Amino acid sequence: MTDEQPTDPLMARILAAVARSQAGDAEGARTDFAAVWADVGPDGDPFHRCTLAHYAADVQDDLRAELAWDEVALEAAGQVTDARAKEHHASLAIEGFFPSLHLNLAEDHRRLGDPASARHHIEEARRRLSALPEDGYGAMIRAGVDRVAALLEEP
């Protein structure tokens, strides 16, 4: 995300919930995400759904709820165009979202005891790593993929 203030009111609400989460108020962020989801819904703008679900997953107390939100994020990302992502910020390309989305799903499945699904998502993340920038964010996602892959190899 950027430091720019979004002109899109729904994105502003999503980012406010993200900020609340990052400030340590997971419960409040869950409430905020639920309120925005009530307005976006499962058939709303895919960019909103993807962004909201990606961040809502991070504040869930229940791992199955986290998985469900991460699945929504991945499904919605498949419907987002680069043009739509660039409406939010000119630097965005939707292909760059997929490594992180697959990494999150791999970690969810690993923690739920489903190594086959986790490995599938690690492979999907690896297949798409070239879409990441060579910056701190890209390095963080690459390291996460390596970390989860290594955990999957442990007995």
N, C-alpha and C. Protein backbone atom coordinates (compact mmCIF):
# COMPACT_ATOMS: atom_id res chain seq x y z
N MET A 1 0.83 -1.17 0.00
CA MET A 1 0.00 0.00 0.00
C MET A 1 0.89 1.25 0.00
N THR A 2 0.27 2.35 -0.21
CA THR A 2 1.01 3.59 -0.34
C THR A 2 0.65 4.56 0.77
N ASP A 3 1.40 5.66 0.82
CA ASP A 3 1.09 6.71 1.78
C ASP A 3 0.04 7.67 1.24
N GLU A 4 -0.30 7.53 -0.03
CA GLU A 4 -1.30 8.39 -0.63
C GLU A 4 -2.67 8.10 -0.04
N GLN A 5 -3.49 9.12 0.07
CA GLN A 5 -4.86 8.94 0.53
C GLN A 5 -5.72 8.50 -0.66
N PRO A 6 -6.41 7.39 -0.53
CA PRO A 6 -7.23 6.92 -1.66
C PRO A 6 -8.45 7.82 -1.84
N THR A 7 -8.82 8.01 -3.11
CA THR A 7 -10.03 8.77 -3.41
C THR A 7 -11.24 7.85 -3.42
N ASP A 8 -11.01 6.57 -3.40
CA ASP A 8 -12.05 5.55 -3.40
C ASP A 8 -12.53 5.36 -1.95
N PRO A 9 -13.79 5.69 -1.64
CA PRO A 9 -14.26 5.62 -0.25
C PRO A 9 -14.18 4.22 0.36
N LEU A 10 -14.47 3.18 -0.42
CA LEU A 10 -14.37 1.82 0.12
C LEU A 10 -12.92 1.46 0.43
N MET A 11 -12.01 1.86 -0.46
CA MET A 11 -10.60 1.57 -0.19
C MET A 11 -10.13 2.35 1.02
N ALA A 12 -10.62 3.55 1.21
CA ALA A 12 -10.26 4.32 2.40
C ALA A 12 -10.70 3.59 3.67
N ARG A 13 -11.88 3.01 3.64
CA ARG A 13 -12.37 2.24 4.79
C ARG A 13 -11.55 0.98 5.02
N ILE A 14 -11.19 0.30 3.94
CA ILE A 14 -10.36 -0.90 4.06
C ILE A 14 -9.01 -0.53 4.67
N LEU A 15 -8.40 0.53 4.18
CA LEU A 15 -7.09 0.93 4.69
C LEU A 15 -7.17 1.42 6.13
N ALA A 16 -8.29 2.00 6.52
CA ALA A 16 -8.48 2.40 7.92
C ALA A 16 -8.53 1.15 8.81
N ALA A 17 -9.19 0.10 8.34
CA ALA A 17 -9.24 -1.15 9.10
C ALA A 17 -7.85 -1.78 9.18
N VAL A 18 -7.09 -1.70 8.09
CA VAL A 18 -5.72 -2.21 8.09
C VAL A 18 -4.90 -1.45 9.14
N ALA A 19 -5.03 -0.13 9.16
CA ALA A 19 -4.29 0.68 10.13
C ALA A 19 -4.68 0.29 11.56
N ARG A 20 -5.96 0.06 11.76
CA ARG A 20 -6.41 -0.36 13.09
C ARG A 20 -5.78 -1.70 13.48
N SER A 21 -5.72 -2.60 12.53
CA SER A 21 -5.08 -3.90 12.77
C SER A 21 -3.61 -3.72 13.11
N GLN A 22 -2.93 -2.91 12.33
CA GLN A 22 -1.49 -2.70 12.53
C GLN A 22 -1.21 -1.98 13.84
N ALA A 23 -2.20 -1.27 14.37
CA ALA A 23 -2.05 -0.60 15.67
C ALA A 23 -2.32 -1.57 16.82
N GLY A 24 -2.67 -2.82 16.49
CA GLY A 24 -2.85 -3.83 17.51
C GLY A 24 -4.30 -4.12 17.90
N ASP A 25 -5.26 -3.49 17.23
CA ASP A 25 -6.67 -3.70 17.56
C ASP A 25 -7.30 -4.68 16.57
N ALA A 26 -6.95 -5.96 16.73
CA ALA A 26 -7.46 -6.99 15.81
C ALA A 26 -8.97 -7.10 15.89
N GLU A 27 -9.53 -7.04 17.08
CA GLU A 27 -10.98 -7.15 17.23
C GLU A 27 -11.71 -6.00 16.53
N GLY A 28 -11.22 -4.80 16.74
CA GLY A 28 -11.82 -3.65 16.07
C GLY A 28 -11.67 -3.74 14.56
N ALA A 29 -10.50 -4.21 14.12
CA ALA A 29 -10.28 -4.36 12.68
C ALA A 29 -11.23 -5.40 12.10
N ARG A 30 -11.45 -6.51 12.82
CA ARG A 30 -12.41 -7.53 12.33
C ARG A 30 -13.79 -6.91 12.17
N THR A 31 -14.19 -6.10 13.14
CA THR A 31 -15.50 -5.43 13.07
C THR A 31 -15.54 -4.49 11.86
N ASP A 32 -14.48 -3.73 11.66
CA ASP A 32 -14.43 -2.80 10.52
C ASP A 32 -14.46 -3.55 9.19
N PHE A 33 -13.66 -4.63 9.10
CA PHE A 33 -13.65 -5.41 7.85
C PHE A 33 -15.04 -6.00 7.57
N ALA A 34 -15.70 -6.49 8.61
CA ALA A 34 -17.04 -7.05 8.43
C ALA A 34 -18.01 -5.99 7.93
N ALA A 35 -17.90 -4.77 8.44
CA ALA A 35 -18.78 -3.69 8.00
C ALA A 35 -18.53 -3.34 6.53
N VAL A 36 -17.27 -3.29 6.14
CA VAL A 36 -16.95 -2.99 4.74
C VAL A 36 -17.42 -4.15 3.86
N TRP A 37 -17.20 -5.38 4.32
CA TRP A 37 -17.64 -6.54 3.54
C TRP A 37 -19.15 -6.50 3.32
N ALA A 38 -19.89 -6.04 4.29
CA ALA A 38 -21.35 -5.94 4.14
C ALA A 38 -21.70 -5.02 2.98
N ASP A 39 -20.87 -4.03 2.72
CA ASP A 39 -21.11 -3.11 1.60
C ASP A 39 -20.53 -3.62 0.29
N VAL A 40 -19.41 -4.34 0.35
CA VAL A 40 -18.76 -4.86 -0.87
C VAL A 40 -19.46 -6.13 -1.32
N GLY A 41 -19.55 -7.09 -0.42
CA GLY A 41 -20.21 -8.35 -0.71
C GLY A 41 -19.44 -9.26 -1.64
N PRO A 42 -19.90 -10.49 -1.77
CA PRO A 42 -19.18 -11.48 -2.57
C PRO A 42 -19.21 -11.21 -4.07
N ASP A 43 -20.05 -10.28 -4.50
CA ASP A 43 -20.12 -9.97 -5.94
C ASP A 43 -19.63 -8.56 -6.24
N GLY A 44 -19.04 -7.91 -5.24
CA GLY A 44 -18.54 -6.54 -5.43
C GLY A 44 -17.27 -6.50 -6.25
N ASP A 45 -16.74 -5.31 -6.34
CA ASP A 45 -15.51 -5.07 -7.10
C ASP A 45 -14.41 -6.03 -6.65
N PRO A 46 -13.84 -6.80 -7.58
CA PRO A 46 -12.82 -7.78 -7.21
C PRO A 46 -11.60 -7.17 -6.50
N PHE A 47 -11.21 -5.96 -6.88
CA PHE A 47 -10.06 -5.34 -6.22
C PHE A 47 -10.37 -5.07 -4.75
N HIS A 48 -11.57 -4.57 -4.47
CA HIS A 48 -11.97 -4.37 -3.08
C HIS A 48 -12.02 -5.69 -2.33
N ARG A 49 -12.63 -6.71 -2.96
CA ARG A 49 -12.76 -8.01 -2.30
C ARG A 49 -11.39 -8.60 -2.00
N CYS A 50 -10.49 -8.53 -2.97
CA CYS A 50 -9.15 -9.09 -2.80
C CYS A 50 -8.41 -8.39 -1.67
N THR A 51 -8.41 -7.09 -1.70
CA THR A 51 -7.67 -6.32 -0.69
C THR A 51 -8.26 -6.54 0.70
N LEU A 52 -9.58 -6.43 0.81
CA LEU A 52 -10.23 -6.61 2.09
C LEU A 52 -9.96 -8.01 2.64
N ALA A 53 -10.16 -9.02 1.82
CA ALA A 53 -10.00 -10.40 2.28
C ALA A 53 -8.56 -10.69 2.68
N HIS A 54 -7.61 -10.17 1.91
CA HIS A 54 -6.20 -10.38 2.21
C HIS A 54 -5.86 -9.88 3.61
N TYR A 55 -6.33 -8.70 3.94
CA TYR A 55 -6.03 -8.13 5.25
C TYR A 55 -6.94 -8.66 6.35
N ALA A 56 -8.19 -8.97 6.02
CA ALA A 56 -9.10 -9.53 7.02
C ALA A 56 -8.60 -10.87 7.51
N ALA A 57 -7.97 -11.64 6.65
CA ALA A 57 -7.44 -12.95 7.04
C ALA A 57 -6.46 -12.80 8.20
N ASP A 58 -5.68 -11.74 8.18
CA ASP A 58 -4.62 -11.56 9.17
C ASP A 58 -5.13 -11.30 10.58
N VAL A 59 -6.38 -10.92 10.73
CA VAL A 59 -6.89 -10.58 12.07
C VAL A 59 -7.86 -11.63 12.61
N GLN A 60 -7.92 -12.77 11.97
CA GLN A 60 -8.84 -13.81 12.42
C GLN A 60 -8.25 -14.59 13.59
N ASP A 61 -9.11 -14.93 14.55
CA ASP A 61 -8.70 -15.77 15.68
C ASP A 61 -8.72 -17.24 15.32
N ASP A 62 -9.54 -17.60 14.34
CA ASP A 62 -9.74 -18.99 13.96
C ASP A 62 -9.01 -19.25 12.64
N LEU A 63 -8.19 -20.29 12.62
CA LEU A 63 -7.39 -20.60 11.44
C LEU A 63 -8.27 -20.92 10.22
N ARG A 64 -9.40 -21.58 10.44
CA ARG A 64 -10.30 -21.89 9.31
C ARG A 64 -10.91 -20.60 8.75
N ALA A 65 -11.19 -19.64 9.60
CA ALA A 65 -11.69 -18.34 9.12
C ALA A 65 -10.60 -17.62 8.33
N GLU A 66 -9.37 -17.71 8.82
CA GLU A 66 -8.24 -17.12 8.09
C GLU A 66 -8.12 -17.75 6.71
N LEU A 67 -8.19 -19.07 6.65
CA LEU A 67 -8.13 -19.77 5.37
C LEU A 67 -9.26 -19.32 4.44
N ALA A 68 -10.46 -19.20 4.97
CA ALA A 68 -11.60 -18.79 4.15
C ALA A 68 -11.36 -17.41 3.55
N TRP A 69 -10.86 -16.47 4.34
CA TRP A 69 -10.59 -15.13 3.81
C TRP A 69 -9.47 -15.18 2.78
N ASP A 70 -8.42 -15.97 3.05
CA ASP A 70 -7.33 -16.08 2.07
C ASP A 70 -7.82 -16.68 0.76
N GLU A 71 -8.76 -17.61 0.83
CA GLU A 71 -9.34 -18.17 -0.40
C GLU A 71 -10.15 -17.12 -1.16
N VAL A 72 -10.88 -16.29 -0.44
CA VAL A 72 -11.63 -15.20 -1.08
C VAL A 72 -10.65 -14.26 -1.79
N ALA A 73 -9.55 -13.93 -1.12
CA ALA A 73 -8.57 -13.02 -1.72
C ALA A 73 -8.01 -13.57 -3.02
N LEU A 74 -7.65 -14.86 -3.02
CA LEU A 74 -7.10 -15.46 -4.23
C LEU A 74 -8.14 -15.51 -5.35
N GLU A 75 -9.35 -15.91 -5.02
CA GLU A 75 -10.41 -15.97 -6.03
C GLU A 75 -10.66 -14.60 -6.63
N ALA A 76 -10.73 -13.59 -5.80
CA ALA A 76 -10.99 -12.23 -6.29
C ALA A 76 -9.83 -11.72 -7.13
N ALA A 77 -8.61 -12.03 -6.72
CA ALA A 77 -7.44 -11.57 -7.49
C ALA A 77 -7.48 -12.08 -8.92
N GLY A 78 -8.03 -13.26 -9.11
CA GLY A 78 -8.14 -13.81 -10.45
C GLY A 78 -9.09 -13.03 -11.34
N GLN A 79 -9.86 -12.13 -10.76
CA GLN A 79 -10.80 -11.31 -11.52
C GLN A 79 -10.35 -9.86 -11.66
N VAL A 80 -9.24 -9.50 -11.03
CA VAL A 80 -8.75 -8.12 -11.07
C VAL A 80 -7.88 -7.94 -12.30
N THR A 81 -8.07 -6.85 -12.99
CA THR A 81 -7.21 -6.51 -14.13
C THR A 81 -6.11 -5.56 -13.66
N ASP A 82 -5.04 -5.50 -14.44
CA ASP A 82 -3.99 -4.53 -14.13
C ASP A 82 -4.54 -3.11 -14.16
N ALA A 83 -5.43 -2.85 -15.11
CA ALA A 83 -6.01 -1.50 -15.20
C ALA A 83 -6.72 -1.15 -13.90
N ARG A 84 -7.46 -2.10 -13.34
CA ARG A 84 -8.18 -1.82 -12.08
C ARG A 84 -7.20 -1.61 -10.94
N ALA A 85 -6.16 -2.43 -10.87
CA ALA A 85 -5.16 -2.26 -9.81
C ALA A 85 -4.47 -0.91 -9.93
N LYS A 86 -4.19 -0.48 -11.15
CA LYS A 86 -3.52 0.80 -11.37
C LYS A 86 -4.43 1.98 -11.03
N GLU A 87 -5.73 1.78 -11.00
CA GLU A 87 -6.62 2.85 -10.54
C GLU A 87 -6.33 3.19 -9.09
N HIS A 88 -5.90 2.19 -8.32
CA HIS A 88 -5.56 2.44 -6.92
C HIS A 88 -4.17 3.05 -6.81
N HIS A 89 -3.22 2.46 -7.53
CA HIS A 89 -1.86 3.01 -7.54
C HIS A 89 -1.18 2.60 -8.85
N ALA A 90 -0.55 3.55 -9.51
CA ALA A 90 0.04 3.32 -10.83
C ALA A 90 1.10 2.22 -10.84
N SER A 91 1.71 1.93 -9.70
CA SER A 91 2.78 0.94 -9.66
C SER A 91 2.28 -0.50 -9.58
N LEU A 92 0.99 -0.70 -9.35
CA LEU A 92 0.49 -2.05 -9.10
C LEU A 92 0.25 -2.84 -10.39
N ALA A 93 0.59 -4.12 -10.31
CA ALA A 93 0.25 -5.10 -11.35
C ALA A 93 -0.30 -6.31 -10.61
N ILE A 94 -1.42 -6.82 -11.04
CA ILE A 94 -2.10 -7.88 -10.29
C ILE A 94 -1.25 -9.13 -10.18
N GLU A 95 -0.42 -9.41 -11.15
CA GLU A 95 0.41 -10.62 -11.08
C GLU A 95 1.30 -10.60 -9.84
N GLY A 96 1.69 -9.42 -9.40
CA GLY A 96 2.52 -9.30 -8.22
C GLY A 96 1.81 -9.63 -6.92
N PHE A 97 0.48 -9.74 -6.95
CA PHE A 97 -0.28 -10.11 -5.75
C PHE A 97 -0.19 -11.61 -5.47
N PHE A 98 -0.09 -12.41 -6.53
CA PHE A 98 -0.26 -13.85 -6.40
C PHE A 98 0.77 -14.56 -5.52
N PRO A 99 2.06 -14.20 -5.57
CA PRO A 99 2.99 -14.91 -4.68
C PRO A 99 2.59 -14.81 -3.21
N SER A 100 2.21 -13.63 -2.78
CA SER A 100 1.81 -13.44 -1.38
C SER A 100 0.52 -14.18 -1.07
N LEU A 101 -0.44 -14.13 -1.97
CA LEU A 101 -1.71 -14.82 -1.74
C LEU A 101 -1.50 -16.32 -1.62
N HIS A 102 -0.68 -16.88 -2.50
CA HIS A 102 -0.39 -18.32 -2.42
C HIS A 102 0.44 -18.65 -1.18
N LEU A 103 1.37 -17.79 -0.81
CA LEU A 103 2.14 -18.00 0.40
C LEU A 103 1.22 -18.08 1.61
N ASN A 104 0.27 -17.15 1.71
CA ASN A 104 -0.67 -17.17 2.83
C ASN A 104 -1.46 -18.47 2.88
N LEU A 105 -1.93 -18.92 1.72
CA LEU A 105 -2.69 -20.17 1.68
C LEU A 105 -1.81 -21.36 2.05
N ALA A 106 -0.57 -21.35 1.60
CA ALA A 106 0.35 -22.43 1.96
C ALA A 106 0.53 -22.50 3.47
N GLU A 107 0.72 -21.35 4.09
CA GLU A 107 0.90 -21.33 5.54
C GLU A 107 -0.38 -21.76 6.26
N ASP A 108 -1.53 -21.34 5.78
CA ASP A 108 -2.80 -21.79 6.38
C ASP A 108 -2.90 -23.31 6.33
N HIS A 109 -2.69 -23.87 5.16
CA HIS A 109 -2.80 -25.32 5.00
C HIS A 109 -1.75 -26.06 5.82
N ARG A 110 -0.55 -25.51 5.88
CA ARG A 110 0.50 -26.14 6.69
C ARG A 110 0.06 -26.19 8.15
N ARG A 111 -0.43 -25.08 8.66
CA ARG A 111 -0.85 -25.01 10.06
C ARG A 111 -2.07 -25.89 10.33
N LEU A 112 -2.88 -26.11 9.30
CA LEU A 112 -4.06 -26.98 9.46
C LEU A 112 -3.72 -28.46 9.27
N GLY A 113 -2.47 -28.77 8.97
CA GLY A 113 -2.07 -30.17 8.82
C GLY A 113 -2.37 -30.76 7.46
N ASP A 114 -2.40 -29.91 6.42
CA ASP A 114 -2.66 -30.37 5.06
C ASP A 114 -1.44 -30.06 4.19
N PRO A 115 -0.38 -30.87 4.33
CA PRO A 115 0.86 -30.56 3.61
C PRO A 115 0.73 -30.61 2.09
N ALA A 116 -0.14 -31.45 1.56
CA ALA A 116 -0.29 -31.53 0.10
C ALA A 116 -0.81 -30.21 -0.45
N SER A 117 -1.83 -29.65 0.18
CA SER A 117 -2.36 -28.35 -0.27
C SER A 117 -1.33 -27.25 -0.04
N ALA A 118 -0.61 -27.33 1.07
CA ALA A 118 0.42 -26.33 1.35
C ALA A 118 1.49 -26.36 0.26
N ARG A 119 1.93 -27.55 -0.12
CA ARG A 119 2.96 -27.67 -1.16
C ARG A 119 2.46 -27.14 -2.50
N HIS A 120 1.20 -27.41 -2.81
CA HIS A 120 0.62 -26.89 -4.05
C HIS A 120 0.73 -25.36 -4.08
N HIS A 121 0.36 -24.71 -2.98
CA HIS A 121 0.40 -23.25 -2.95
C HIS A 121 1.82 -22.71 -2.92
N ILE A 122 2.75 -23.44 -2.31
CA ILE A 122 4.16 -23.01 -2.35
C ILE A 122 4.66 -23.07 -3.78
N GLU A 123 4.31 -24.12 -4.51
CA GLU A 123 4.73 -24.22 -5.91
C GLU A 123 4.11 -23.10 -6.75
N GLU A 124 2.85 -22.79 -6.50
CA GLU A 124 2.21 -21.68 -7.23
C GLU A 124 2.89 -20.36 -6.89
N ALA A 125 3.24 -20.16 -5.63
CA ALA A 125 3.94 -18.94 -5.24
C ALA A 125 5.30 -18.87 -5.94
N ARG A 126 6.03 -19.97 -5.92
CA ARG A 126 7.36 -19.99 -6.56
C ARG A 126 7.25 -19.71 -8.06
N ARG A 127 6.24 -20.28 -8.68
CA ARG A 127 6.06 -20.11 -10.12
C ARG A 127 5.85 -18.64 -10.48
N ARG A 128 5.35 -17.86 -9.53
CA ARG A 128 5.01 -16.47 -9.81
C ARG A 128 5.98 -15.46 -9.17
N LEU A 129 7.04 -15.93 -8.54
CA LEU A 129 7.96 -15.02 -7.86
C LEU A 129 8.58 -13.98 -8.78
N SER A 130 8.73 -14.30 -10.05
CA SER A 130 9.34 -13.34 -10.97
C SER A 130 8.51 -12.06 -11.12
N ALA A 131 7.25 -12.10 -10.72
CA ALA A 131 6.40 -10.91 -10.80
C ALA A 131 6.67 -9.92 -9.68
N LEU A 132 7.45 -10.35 -8.68
CA LEU A 132 7.73 -9.48 -7.54
C LEU A 132 8.86 -8.51 -7.86
N PRO A 133 8.78 -7.33 -7.28
CA PRO A 133 9.88 -6.38 -7.45
C PRO A 133 11.11 -6.83 -6.67
N GLU A 134 12.24 -6.32 -7.07
CA GLU A 134 13.50 -6.58 -6.36
C GLU A 134 13.65 -5.50 -5.30
N ASP A 135 12.82 -5.59 -4.29
CA ASP A 135 12.85 -4.62 -3.20
C ASP A 135 12.58 -5.34 -1.89
N GLY A 136 12.37 -4.61 -0.84
CA GLY A 136 12.14 -5.21 0.47
C GLY A 136 10.91 -6.09 0.51
N TYR A 137 9.84 -5.65 -0.15
CA TYR A 137 8.62 -6.45 -0.19
C TYR A 137 8.87 -7.77 -0.91
N GLY A 138 9.49 -7.71 -2.07
CA GLY A 138 9.79 -8.93 -2.82
C GLY A 138 10.68 -9.87 -2.03
N ALA A 139 11.67 -9.31 -1.35
CA ALA A 139 12.56 -10.14 -0.53
C ALA A 139 11.80 -10.80 0.62
N MET A 140 10.87 -10.06 1.22
CA MET A 140 10.08 -10.61 2.33
C MET A 140 9.24 -11.79 1.86
N ILE A 141 8.60 -11.66 0.70
CA ILE A 141 7.75 -12.74 0.19
C ILE A 141 8.61 -13.93 -0.21
N ARG A 142 9.72 -13.69 -0.87
CA ARG A 142 10.62 -14.79 -1.25
C ARG A 142 11.11 -15.54 -0.01
N ALA A 143 11.49 -14.81 1.02
CA ALA A 143 11.94 -15.43 2.27
C ALA A 143 10.81 -16.22 2.92
N GLY A 144 9.59 -15.70 2.85
CA GLY A 144 8.44 -16.42 3.40
C GLY A 144 8.19 -17.73 2.67
N VAL A 145 8.31 -17.70 1.36
CA VAL A 145 8.13 -18.93 0.57
C VAL A 145 9.19 -19.95 0.98
N ASP A 146 10.44 -19.51 1.09
CA ASP A 146 11.52 -20.42 1.50
C ASP A 146 11.27 -20.97 2.91
N ARG A 147 10.80 -20.12 3.81
CA ARG A 147 10.56 -20.54 5.19
C ARG A 147 9.47 -21.60 5.27
N VAL A 148 8.33 -21.35 4.58
CA VAL A 148 7.23 -22.31 4.62
C VAL A 148 7.63 -23.60 3.92
N ALA A 149 8.34 -23.50 2.82
CA ALA A 149 8.81 -24.70 2.12
C ALA A 149 9.71 -25.53 3.04
N ALA A 150 10.59 -24.88 3.77
CA ALA A 150 11.49 -25.59 4.69
C ALA A 150 10.69 -26.24 5.81
N LEU A 151 9.69 -25.55 6.33
CA LEU A 151 8.86 -26.14 7.38
C LEU A 151 8.12 -27.37 6.88
N LEU A 152 7.73 -27.36 5.62
CA LEU A 152 7.04 -28.51 5.04
C LEU A 152 7.96 -29.71 4.87
N GLU A 153 9.25 -29.48 4.84
CA GLU A 153 10.20 -30.59 4.69
C GLU A 153 10.58 -31.21 6.02
N GLU A 154 10.25 -30.51 7.11
CA GLU A 154 10.57 -31.05 8.43
C GLU A 154 9.65 -32.24 8.73
N PRO A 155 10.19 -33.25 9.45
CA PRO A 155 9.36 -34.42 9.77
C PRO A 155 8.26 -34.08 10.77
